[in-house]
Amino acid sequence: IESLVNRGLYETDIAAETGMRKQTLRRRMKLLNLTP
């Protein structure tokens, strides 16, 4: 998801590329806030 976001994709496009449901995708995107 981070790679796709960095390439300029939006939620709808990322969901289409990964096959994730939007609800799951939104939960995963929040994990981007985790420290390394």
PDB file of all heavy atoms in Angstrom:
ATOM      1  N   ILE A   1       0.839  -1.206   0.000  1.00  0.00           N
ATOM      2  CA  ILE A   1       0.000   0.000   0.000  1.00  0.00           C
ATOM      3  C   ILE A   1       0.870   1.252   0.000  1.00  0.00           C
ATOM      4  O   ILE A   1       0.608   2.203  -0.742  1.00  0.00           O
ATOM      5  CB  ILE A   1      -0.935   0.001   1.227  1.00  0.00           C
ATOM      6  CG1 ILE A   1      -1.985  -1.105   1.082  1.00  0.00           C
ATOM      7  CG2 ILE A   1      -1.623   1.361   1.393  1.00  0.00           C
ATOM      8  CD1 ILE A   1      -2.755  -1.376   2.355  1.00  0.00           C
ATOM      9  N   GLU A   2       1.916   1.255   0.832  1.00  0.00           N
ATOM     10  CA  GLU A   2       2.808   2.413   0.906  1.00  0.00           C
ATOM     11  C   GLU A   2       3.461   2.683  -0.448  1.00  0.00           C
ATOM     12  O   GLU A   2       3.575   3.836  -0.880  1.00  0.00           O
ATOM     13  CB  GLU A   2       3.873   2.184   1.971  1.00  0.00           C
ATOM     14  CG  GLU A   2       4.759   3.393   2.222  1.00  0.00           C
ATOM     15  CD  GLU A   2       5.663   3.189   3.415  1.00  0.00           C
ATOM     16  OE1 GLU A   2       6.293   2.106   3.520  1.00  0.00           O
ATOM     17  OE2 GLU A   2       5.732   4.095   4.266  1.00  0.00           O
ATOM     18  N   SER A   3       3.867   1.616  -1.129  1.00  0.00           N
ATOM     19  CA  SER A   3       4.482   1.762  -2.446  1.00  0.00           C
ATOM     20  C   SER A   3       3.501   2.374  -3.445  1.00  0.00           C
ATOM     21  O   SER A   3       3.856   3.270  -4.213  1.00  0.00           O
ATOM     22  CB  SER A   3       4.957   0.391  -2.948  1.00  0.00           C
ATOM     23  OG  SER A   3       5.435   0.483  -4.269  1.00  0.00           O
ATOM     24  N   LEU A   4       2.256   1.927  -3.403  1.00  0.00           N
ATOM     25  CA  LEU A   4       1.245   2.436  -4.336  1.00  0.00           C
ATOM     26  C   LEU A   4       0.877   3.887  -4.010  1.00  0.00           C
ATOM     27  O   LEU A   4       0.657   4.693  -4.922  1.00  0.00           O
ATOM     28  CB  LEU A   4       0.003   1.542  -4.308  1.00  0.00           C
ATOM     29  CG  LEU A   4       0.210   0.101  -4.797  1.00  0.00           C
ATOM     30  CD1 LEU A   4      -1.068  -0.708  -4.628  1.00  0.00           C
ATOM     31  CD2 LEU A   4       0.652   0.086  -6.256  1.00  0.00           C
ATOM     32  N   VAL A   5       0.804   4.211  -2.719  1.00  0.00           N
ATOM     33  CA  VAL A   5       0.517   5.589  -2.309  1.00  0.00           C
ATOM     34  C   VAL A   5       1.626   6.516  -2.795  1.00  0.00           C
ATOM     35  O   VAL A   5       1.375   7.608  -3.319  1.00  0.00           O
ATOM     36  CB  VAL A   5       0.366   5.691  -0.772  1.00  0.00           C
ATOM     37  CG1 VAL A   5       0.365   7.147  -0.318  1.00  0.00           C
ATOM     38  CG2 VAL A   5      -0.920   5.004  -0.319  1.00  0.00           C
ATOM     39  N   ASN A   6       2.871   6.063  -2.656  1.00  0.00           N
ATOM     40  CA  ASN A   6       4.010   6.869  -3.093  1.00  0.00           C
ATOM     41  C   ASN A   6       4.023   7.082  -4.602  1.00  0.00           C
ATOM     42  O   ASN A   6       4.634   8.029  -5.098  1.00  0.00           O
ATOM     43  CB  ASN A   6       5.320   6.218  -2.650  1.00  0.00           C
ATOM     44  CG  ASN A   6       5.526   6.282  -1.144  1.00  0.00           C
ATOM     45  OD1 ASN A   6       4.944   7.122  -0.472  1.00  0.00           O
ATOM     46  ND2 ASN A   6       6.360   5.398  -0.613  1.00  0.00           N
ATOM     47  N   ARG A   7       3.351   6.183  -5.318  1.00  0.00           N
ATOM     48  CA  ARG A   7       3.273   6.319  -6.774  1.00  0.00           C
ATOM     49  C   ARG A   7       2.085   7.177  -7.208  1.00  0.00           C
ATOM     50  O   ARG A   7       1.843   7.350  -8.401  1.00  0.00           O
ATOM     51  CB  ARG A   7       3.169   4.937  -7.427  1.00  0.00           C
ATOM     52  CG  ARG A   7       4.429   4.094  -7.263  1.00  0.00           C
ATOM     53  CD  ARG A   7       4.319   2.801  -8.020  1.00  0.00           C
ATOM     54  NE  ARG A   7       5.468   1.929  -7.763  1.00  0.00           N
ATOM     55  CZ  ARG A   7       5.676   0.767  -8.385  1.00  0.00           C
ATOM     56  NH1 ARG A   7       4.818   0.345  -9.276  1.00  0.00           N
ATOM     57  NH2 ARG A   7       6.739   0.042  -8.086  1.00  0.00           N
ATOM     58  N   GLY A   8       1.336   7.672  -6.237  1.00  0.00           N
ATOM     59  CA  GLY A   8       0.253   8.597  -6.559  1.00  0.00           C
ATOM     60  C   GLY A   8      -1.117   7.974  -6.692  1.00  0.00           C
ATOM     61  O   GLY A   8      -2.055   8.637  -7.147  1.00  0.00           O
ATOM     62  N   LEU A   9      -1.294   6.716  -6.287  1.00  0.00           N
ATOM     63  CA  LEU A   9      -2.597   6.080  -6.407  1.00  0.00           C
ATOM     64  C   LEU A   9      -3.503   6.474  -5.247  1.00  0.00           C
ATOM     65  O   LEU A   9      -3.046   6.715  -4.129  1.00  0.00           O
ATOM     66  CB  LEU A   9      -2.458   4.561  -6.454  1.00  0.00           C
ATOM     67  CG  LEU A   9      -2.279   3.948  -7.846  1.00  0.00           C
ATOM     68  CD1 LEU A   9      -0.912   4.313  -8.395  1.00  0.00           C
ATOM     69  CD2 LEU A   9      -2.437   2.439  -7.804  1.00  0.00           C
ATOM     70  N   TYR A  10      -4.808   6.519  -5.535  1.00  0.00           N
ATOM     71  CA  TYR A  10      -5.809   6.818  -4.522  1.00  0.00           C
ATOM     72  C   TYR A  10      -6.482   5.529  -4.057  1.00  0.00           C
ATOM     73  O   TYR A  10      -6.244   4.448  -4.607  1.00  0.00           O
ATOM     74  CB  TYR A  10      -6.839   7.798  -5.070  1.00  0.00           C
ATOM     75  CG  TYR A  10      -6.251   9.154  -5.405  1.00  0.00           C
ATOM     76  CD1 TYR A  10      -5.940   9.497  -6.722  1.00  0.00           C
ATOM     77  CD2 TYR A  10      -5.979  10.088  -4.407  1.00  0.00           C
ATOM     78  CE1 TYR A  10      -5.382  10.729  -7.031  1.00  0.00           C
ATOM     79  CE2 TYR A  10      -5.421  11.324  -4.703  1.00  0.00           C
ATOM     80  CZ  TYR A  10      -5.127  11.635  -6.018  1.00  0.00           C
ATOM     81  OH  TYR A  10      -4.565  12.845  -6.319  1.00  0.00           O
ATOM     82  N   GLU A  11      -7.328   5.662  -3.049  1.00  0.00           N
ATOM     83  CA  GLU A  11      -7.937   4.495  -2.409  1.00  0.00           C
ATOM     84  C   GLU A  11      -8.605   3.545  -3.402  1.00  0.00           C
ATOM     85  O   GLU A  11      -8.380   2.333  -3.365  1.00  0.00           O
ATOM     86  CB  GLU A  11      -8.968   4.962  -1.369  1.00  0.00           C
ATOM     87  CG  GLU A  11      -9.634   3.818  -0.626  1.00  0.00           C
ATOM     88  CD  GLU A  11     -10.707   4.296   0.325  1.00  0.00           C
ATOM     89  OE1 GLU A  11     -10.363   4.756   1.433  1.00  0.00           O
ATOM     90  OE2 GLU A  11     -11.894   4.222  -0.044  1.00  0.00           O
ATOM     91  N   THR A  12      -9.433   4.084  -4.297  1.00  0.00           N
ATOM     92  CA  THR A  12     -10.160   3.244  -5.250  1.00  0.00           C
ATOM     93  C   THR A  12      -9.197   2.464  -6.137  1.00  0.00           C
ATOM     94  O   THR A  12      -9.396   1.270  -6.394  1.00  0.00           O
ATOM     95  CB  THR A  12     -11.091   4.100  -6.125  1.00  0.00           C
ATOM     96  OG1 THR A  12     -12.036   4.772  -5.279  1.00  0.00           O
ATOM     97  CG2 THR A  12     -11.843   3.226  -7.118  1.00  0.00           C
ATOM     98  N   ASP A  13      -8.133   3.131  -6.580  1.00  0.00           N
ATOM     99  CA  ASP A  13      -7.166   2.486  -7.456  1.00  0.00           C
ATOM    100  C   ASP A  13      -6.369   1.419  -6.706  1.00  0.00           C
ATOM    101  O   ASP A  13      -6.081   0.350  -7.250  1.00  0.00           O
ATOM    102  CB  ASP A  13      -6.207   3.525  -8.044  1.00  0.00           C
ATOM    103  CG  ASP A  13      -6.943   4.614  -8.806  1.00  0.00           C
ATOM    104  OD1 ASP A  13      -7.907   4.268  -9.510  1.00  0.00           O
ATOM    105  OD2 ASP A  13      -6.565   5.792  -8.680  1.00  0.00           O
ATOM    106  N   ILE A  14      -6.011   1.703  -5.447  1.00  0.00           N
ATOM    107  CA  ILE A  14      -5.257   0.734  -4.657  1.00  0.00           C
ATOM    108  C   ILE A  14      -6.110  -0.499  -4.384  1.00  0.00           C
ATOM    109  O   ILE A  14      -5.623  -1.635  -4.446  1.00  0.00           O
ATOM    110  CB  ILE A  14      -4.784   1.363  -3.327  1.00  0.00           C
ATOM    111  CG1 ILE A  14      -3.782   2.490  -3.606  1.00  0.00           C
ATOM    112  CG2 ILE A  14      -4.149   0.313  -2.424  1.00  0.00           C
ATOM    113  CD1 ILE A  14      -3.374   3.280  -2.372  1.00  0.00           C
ATOM    114  N   ALA A  15      -7.391  -0.280  -4.105  1.00  0.00           N
ATOM    115  CA  ALA A  15      -8.296  -1.413  -3.874  1.00  0.00           C
ATOM    116  C   ALA A  15      -8.381  -2.285  -5.119  1.00  0.00           C
ATOM    117  O   ALA A  15      -8.380  -3.518  -5.036  1.00  0.00           O
ATOM    118  CB  ALA A  15      -9.688  -0.896  -3.482  1.00  0.00           C
ATOM    119  N   ALA A  16      -8.433  -1.646  -6.283  1.00  0.00           N
ATOM    120  CA  ALA A  16      -8.508  -2.392  -7.539  1.00  0.00           C
ATOM    121  C   ALA A  16      -7.217  -3.157  -7.806  1.00  0.00           C
ATOM    122  O   ALA A  16      -7.238  -4.301  -8.266  1.00  0.00           O
ATOM    123  CB  ALA A  16      -8.797  -1.437  -8.691  1.00  0.00           C
ATOM    124  N   GLU A  17      -6.070  -2.543  -7.492  1.00  0.00           N
ATOM    125  CA  GLU A  17      -4.780  -3.177  -7.753  1.00  0.00           C
ATOM    126  C   GLU A  17      -4.524  -4.354  -6.818  1.00  0.00           C
ATOM    127  O   GLU A  17      -3.966  -5.364  -7.217  1.00  0.00           O
ATOM    128  CB  GLU A  17      -3.647  -2.152  -7.598  1.00  0.00           C
ATOM    129  CG  GLU A  17      -3.481  -1.220  -8.773  1.00  0.00           C
ATOM    130  CD  GLU A  17      -2.940  -1.936 -10.001  1.00  0.00           C
ATOM    131  OE1 GLU A  17      -2.168  -2.891  -9.853  1.00  0.00           O
ATOM    132  OE2 GLU A  17      -3.304  -1.537 -11.113  1.00  0.00           O
ATOM    133  N   THR A  18      -4.918  -4.212  -5.548  1.00  0.00           N
ATOM    134  CA  THR A  18      -4.604  -5.233  -4.548  1.00  0.00           C
ATOM    135  C   THR A  18      -5.710  -6.261  -4.365  1.00  0.00           C
ATOM    136  O   THR A  18      -5.468  -7.343  -3.836  1.00  0.00           O
ATOM    137  CB  THR A  18      -4.330  -4.587  -3.176  1.00  0.00           C
ATOM    138  OG1 THR A  18      -5.498  -3.860  -2.749  1.00  0.00           O
ATOM    139  CG2 THR A  18      -3.141  -3.629  -3.257  1.00  0.00           C
ATOM    140  N   GLY A  19      -6.930  -5.897  -4.769  1.00  0.00           N
ATOM    141  CA  GLY A  19      -8.057  -6.799  -4.561  1.00  0.00           C
ATOM    142  C   GLY A  19      -8.617  -6.742  -3.150  1.00  0.00           C
ATOM    143  O   GLY A  19      -9.478  -7.537  -2.783  1.00  0.00           O
ATOM    144  N   MET A  20      -8.149  -5.795  -2.353  1.00  0.00           N
ATOM    145  CA  MET A  20      -8.651  -5.663  -0.981  1.00  0.00           C
ATOM    146  C   MET A  20     -10.011  -4.967  -0.967  1.00  0.00           C
ATOM    147  O   MET A  20     -10.279  -4.099  -1.792  1.00  0.00           O
ATOM    148  CB  MET A  20      -7.695  -4.819  -0.125  1.00  0.00           C
ATOM    149  CG  MET A  20      -6.392  -5.460   0.217  1.00  0.00           C
ATOM    150  SD  MET A  20      -5.458  -4.390   1.361  1.00  0.00           S
ATOM    151  CE  MET A  20      -3.827  -5.086   1.136  1.00  0.00           C
ATOM    152  N   ARG A  21     -10.824  -5.343  -0.004  1.00  0.00           N
ATOM    153  CA  ARG A  21     -12.049  -4.598   0.237  1.00  0.00           C
ATOM    154  C   ARG A  21     -11.671  -3.237   0.810  1.00  0.00           C
ATOM    155  O   ARG A  21     -10.680  -3.116   1.528  1.00  0.00           O
ATOM    156  CB  ARG A  21     -12.945  -5.350   1.219  1.00  0.00           C
ATOM    157  CG  ARG A  21     -13.465  -6.686   0.690  1.00  0.00           C
ATOM    158  CD  ARG A  21     -14.327  -7.372   1.737  1.00  0.00           C
ATOM    159  NE  ARG A  21     -14.852  -8.629   1.254  1.00  0.00           N
ATOM    160  CZ  ARG A  21     -15.601  -9.452   1.971  1.00  0.00           C
ATOM    161  NH1 ARG A  21     -15.898  -9.126   3.233  1.00  0.00           N
ATOM    162  NH2 ARG A  21     -16.048 -10.579   1.456  1.00  0.00           N
ATOM    163  N   LYS A  22     -12.482  -2.237   0.505  1.00  0.00           N
ATOM    164  CA  LYS A  22     -12.131  -0.884   0.955  1.00  0.00           C
ATOM    165  C   LYS A  22     -12.061  -0.791   2.469  1.00  0.00           C
ATOM    166  O   LYS A  22     -11.228  -0.061   3.014  1.00  0.00           O
ATOM    167  CB  LYS A  22     -13.142   0.128   0.397  1.00  0.00           C
ATOM    168  CG  LYS A  22     -12.947   0.419  -1.088  1.00  0.00           C
ATOM    169  CD  LYS A  22     -13.800   1.577  -1.542  1.00  0.00           C
ATOM    170  CE  LYS A  22     -13.523   1.905  -3.010  1.00  0.00           C
ATOM    171  NZ  LYS A  22     -14.316   3.049  -3.483  1.00  0.00           N
ATOM    172  N   GLN A  23     -12.921  -1.526   3.158  1.00  0.00           N
ATOM    173  CA  GLN A  23     -12.904  -1.492   4.626  1.00  0.00           C
ATOM    174  C   GLN A  23     -11.571  -2.024   5.157  1.00  0.00           C
ATOM    175  O   GLN A  23     -10.957  -1.439   6.064  1.00  0.00           O
ATOM    176  CB  GLN A  23     -14.056  -2.324   5.192  1.00  0.00           C
ATOM    177  CG  GLN A  23     -14.151  -2.280   6.712  1.00  0.00           C
ATOM    178  CD  GLN A  23     -15.331  -3.077   7.229  1.00  0.00           C
ATOM    179  OE1 GLN A  23     -16.051  -3.717   6.472  1.00  0.00           O
ATOM    180  NE2 GLN A  23     -15.544  -3.050   8.533  1.00  0.00           N
ATOM    181  N   THR A  24     -11.105  -3.136   4.572  1.00  0.00           N
ATOM    182  CA  THR A  24      -9.812  -3.704   4.970  1.00  0.00           C
ATOM    183  C   THR A  24      -8.682  -2.763   4.598  1.00  0.00           C
ATOM    184  O   THR A  24      -7.747  -2.545   5.378  1.00  0.00           O
ATOM    185  CB  THR A  24      -9.593  -5.062   4.288  1.00  0.00           C
ATOM    186  OG1 THR A  24     -10.650  -5.955   4.655  1.00  0.00           O
ATOM    187  CG2 THR A  24      -8.253  -5.672   4.701  1.00  0.00           C
ATOM    188  N   LEU A  25      -8.772  -2.183   3.407  1.00  0.00           N
ATOM    189  CA  LEU A  25      -7.727  -1.266   2.937  1.00  0.00           C
ATOM    190  C   LEU A  25      -7.590  -0.074   3.868  1.00  0.00           C
ATOM    191  O   LEU A  25      -6.468   0.330   4.207  1.00  0.00           O
ATOM    192  CB  LEU A  25      -8.061  -0.799   1.521  1.00  0.00           C
ATOM    193  CG  LEU A  25      -7.129   0.265   0.923  1.00  0.00           C
ATOM    194  CD1 LEU A  25      -5.699  -0.241   0.861  1.00  0.00           C
ATOM    195  CD2 LEU A  25      -7.618   0.664  -0.466  1.00  0.00           C
ATOM    196  N   ARG A  26      -8.704   0.503   4.303  1.00  0.00           N
ATOM    197  CA  ARG A  26      -8.645   1.666   5.185  1.00  0.00           C
ATOM    198  C   ARG A  26      -7.985   1.316   6.517  1.00  0.00           C
ATOM    199  O   ARG A  26      -7.227   2.115   7.073  1.00  0.00           O
ATOM    200  CB  ARG A  26     -10.058   2.205   5.412  1.00  0.00           C
ATOM    201  CG  ARG A  26     -10.621   2.930   4.195  1.00  0.00           C
ATOM    202  CD  ARG A  26     -12.094   3.170   4.314  1.00  0.00           C
ATOM    203  NE  ARG A  26     -12.635   3.739   3.081  1.00  0.00           N
ATOM    204  CZ  ARG A  26     -13.911   3.718   2.753  1.00  0.00           C
ATOM    205  NH1 ARG A  26     -14.797   3.148   3.564  1.00  0.00           N
ATOM    206  NH2 ARG A  26     -14.310   4.253   1.610  1.00  0.00           N
ATOM    207  N   ARG A  27      -8.266   0.107   7.014  1.00  0.00           N
ATOM    208  CA  ARG A  27      -7.635  -0.316   8.264  1.00  0.00           C
ATOM    209  C   ARG A  27      -6.141  -0.505   8.067  1.00  0.00           C
ATOM    210  O   ARG A  27      -5.341  -0.144   8.933  1.00  0.00           O
ATOM    211  CB  ARG A  27      -8.283  -1.610   8.763  1.00  0.00           C
ATOM    212  CG  ARG A  27      -9.710  -1.430   9.230  1.00  0.00           C
ATOM    213  CD  ARG A  27     -10.369  -2.746   9.579  1.00  0.00           C
ATOM    214  NE  ARG A  27      -9.722  -3.408  10.702  1.00  0.00           N
ATOM    215  CZ  ARG A  27     -10.091  -4.586  11.158  1.00  0.00           C
ATOM    216  NH1 ARG A  27     -11.093  -5.244  10.579  1.00  0.00           N
ATOM    217  NH2 ARG A  27      -9.463  -5.129  12.188  1.00  0.00           N
ATOM    218  N   ARG A  28      -5.756  -1.079   6.923  1.00  0.00           N
ATOM    219  CA  ARG A  28      -4.329  -1.274   6.647  1.00  0.00           C
ATOM    220  C   ARG A  28      -3.621   0.070   6.464  1.00  0.00           C
ATOM    221  O   ARG A  28      -2.471   0.241   6.880  1.00  0.00           O
ATOM    222  CB  ARG A  28      -4.149  -2.132   5.399  1.00  0.00           C
ATOM    223  CG  ARG A  28      -4.597  -3.575   5.550  1.00  0.00           C
ATOM    224  CD  ARG A  28      -3.686  -4.331   6.480  1.00  0.00           C
ATOM    225  NE  ARG A  28      -3.985  -5.753   6.490  1.00  0.00           N
ATOM    226  CZ  ARG A  28      -4.743  -6.372   7.391  1.00  0.00           C
ATOM    227  NH1 ARG A  28      -5.286  -5.649   8.379  1.00  0.00           N
ATOM    228  NH2 ARG A  28      -4.953  -7.668   7.334  1.00  0.00           N
ATOM    229  N   MET A  29      -4.286   1.020   5.838  1.00  0.00           N
ATOM    230  CA  MET A  29      -3.662   2.323   5.587  1.00  0.00           C
ATOM    231  C   MET A  29      -3.354   3.044   6.895  1.00  0.00           C
ATOM    232  O   MET A  29      -2.380   3.795   6.988  1.00  0.00           O
ATOM    233  CB  MET A  29      -4.555   3.181   4.688  1.00  0.00           C
ATOM    234  CG  MET A  29      -4.612   2.683   3.252  1.00  0.00           C
ATOM    235  SD  MET A  29      -5.549   3.738   2.135  1.00  0.00           S
ATOM    236  CE  MET A  29      -4.339   5.060   1.869  1.00  0.00           C
ATOM    237  N   LYS A  30      -4.166   2.824   7.920  1.00  0.00           N
ATOM    238  CA  LYS A  30      -3.899   3.441   9.223  1.00  0.00           C
ATOM    239  C   LYS A  30      -2.601   2.905   9.822  1.00  0.00           C
ATOM    240  O   LYS A  30      -1.929   3.593  10.586  1.00  0.00           O
ATOM    241  CB  LYS A  30      -5.070   3.185  10.173  1.00  0.00           C
ATOM    242  CG  LYS A  30      -6.342   3.938   9.788  1.00  0.00           C
ATOM    243  CD  LYS A  30      -7.483   3.607  10.731  1.00  0.00           C
ATOM    244  CE  LYS A  30      -8.761   4.357  10.319  1.00  0.00           C
ATOM    245  NZ  LYS A  30      -9.899   4.003  11.192  1.00  0.00           N
ATOM    246  N   LEU A  31      -2.233   1.656   9.439  1.00  0.00           N
ATOM    247  CA  LEU A  31      -0.997   1.064   9.961  1.00  0.00           C
ATOM    248  C   LEU A  31       0.243   1.746   9.402  1.00  0.00           C
ATOM    249  O   LEU A  31       1.353   1.519   9.908  1.00  0.00           O
ATOM    250  CB  LEU A  31      -0.957  -0.435   9.639  1.00  0.00           C
ATOM    251  CG  LEU A  31      -2.014  -1.308  10.327  1.00  0.00           C
ATOM    252  CD1 LEU A  31      -1.912  -2.745   9.839  1.00  0.00           C
ATOM    253  CD2 LEU A  31      -1.868  -1.246  11.839  1.00  0.00           C
ATOM    254  N   LEU A  32       0.073   2.572   8.377  1.00  0.00           N
ATOM    255  CA  LEU A  32       1.208   3.324   7.848  1.00  0.00           C
ATOM    256  C   LEU A  32       1.757   4.295   8.890  1.00  0.00           C
ATOM    257  O   LEU A  32       2.889   4.776   8.760  1.00  0.00           O
ATOM    258  CB  LEU A  32       0.795   4.094   6.582  1.00  0.00           C
ATOM    259  CG  LEU A  32       0.416   3.249   5.358  1.00  0.00           C
ATOM    260  CD1 LEU A  32      -0.082   4.149   4.238  1.00  0.00           C
ATOM    261  CD2 LEU A  32       1.592   2.414   4.886  1.00  0.00           C
ATOM    262  N   ASN A  33       0.951   4.594   9.926  1.00  0.00           N
ATOM    263  CA  ASN A  33       1.386   5.515  10.983  1.00  0.00           C
ATOM    264  C   ASN A  33       2.297   4.833  12.011  1.00  0.00           C
ATOM    265  O   ASN A  33       2.820   5.499  12.908  1.00  0.00           O
ATOM    266  CB  ASN A  33       0.168   6.099  11.707  1.00  0.00           C
ATOM    267  CG  ASN A  33      -0.660   6.989  10.801  1.00  0.00           C
ATOM    268  OD1 ASN A  33      -0.130   7.684   9.940  1.00  0.00           O
ATOM    269  ND2 ASN A  33      -1.973   6.975  10.990  1.00  0.00           N
ATOM    270  N   LEU A  34       2.478   3.522  11.891  1.00  0.00           N
ATOM    271  CA  LEU A  34       3.360   2.830  12.836  1.00  0.00           C
ATOM    272  C   LEU A  34       4.810   3.266  12.635  1.00  0.00           C
ATOM    273  O   LEU A  34       5.257   3.459  11.506  1.00  0.00           O
ATOM    274  CB  LEU A  34       3.265   1.312  12.637  1.00  0.00           C
ATOM    275  CG  LEU A  34       1.993   0.604  13.099  1.00  0.00           C
ATOM    276  CD1 LEU A  34       2.047  -0.860  12.678  1.00  0.00           C
ATOM    277  CD2 LEU A  34       1.810   0.723  14.604  1.00  0.00           C
ATOM    278  N   THR A  35       5.536   3.378  13.741  1.00  0.00           N
ATOM    279  CA  THR A  35       6.966   3.675  13.644  1.00  0.00           C
ATOM    280  C   THR A  35       7.684   2.427  13.108  1.00  0.00           C
ATOM    281  O   THR A  35       7.164   1.303  13.239  1.00  0.00           O
ATOM    282  CB  THR A  35       7.543   4.045  15.017  1.00  0.00           C
ATOM    283  OG1 THR A  35       7.321   2.944  15.916  1.00  0.00           O
ATOM    284  CG2 THR A  35       6.883   5.297  15.563  1.00  0.00           C
ATOM    285  N   PRO A  36       8.864   2.580  12.510  1.00  0.00           N
ATOM    286  CA  PRO A  36       9.592   1.417  11.959  1.00  0.00           C
ATOM    287  C   PRO A  36       9.769   0.256  12.943  1.00  0.00           C
ATOM    288  O   PRO A  36       9.572  -0.901  12.548  1.00  0.00           O
ATOM    289  CB  PRO A  36      10.928   2.021  11.524  1.00  0.00           C
ATOM    290  CG  PRO A  36      10.580   3.433  11.156  1.00  0.00           C
ATOM    291  CD  PRO A  36       9.544   3.855  12.160  1.00  0.00           C
TER     292      PRO A  36
END
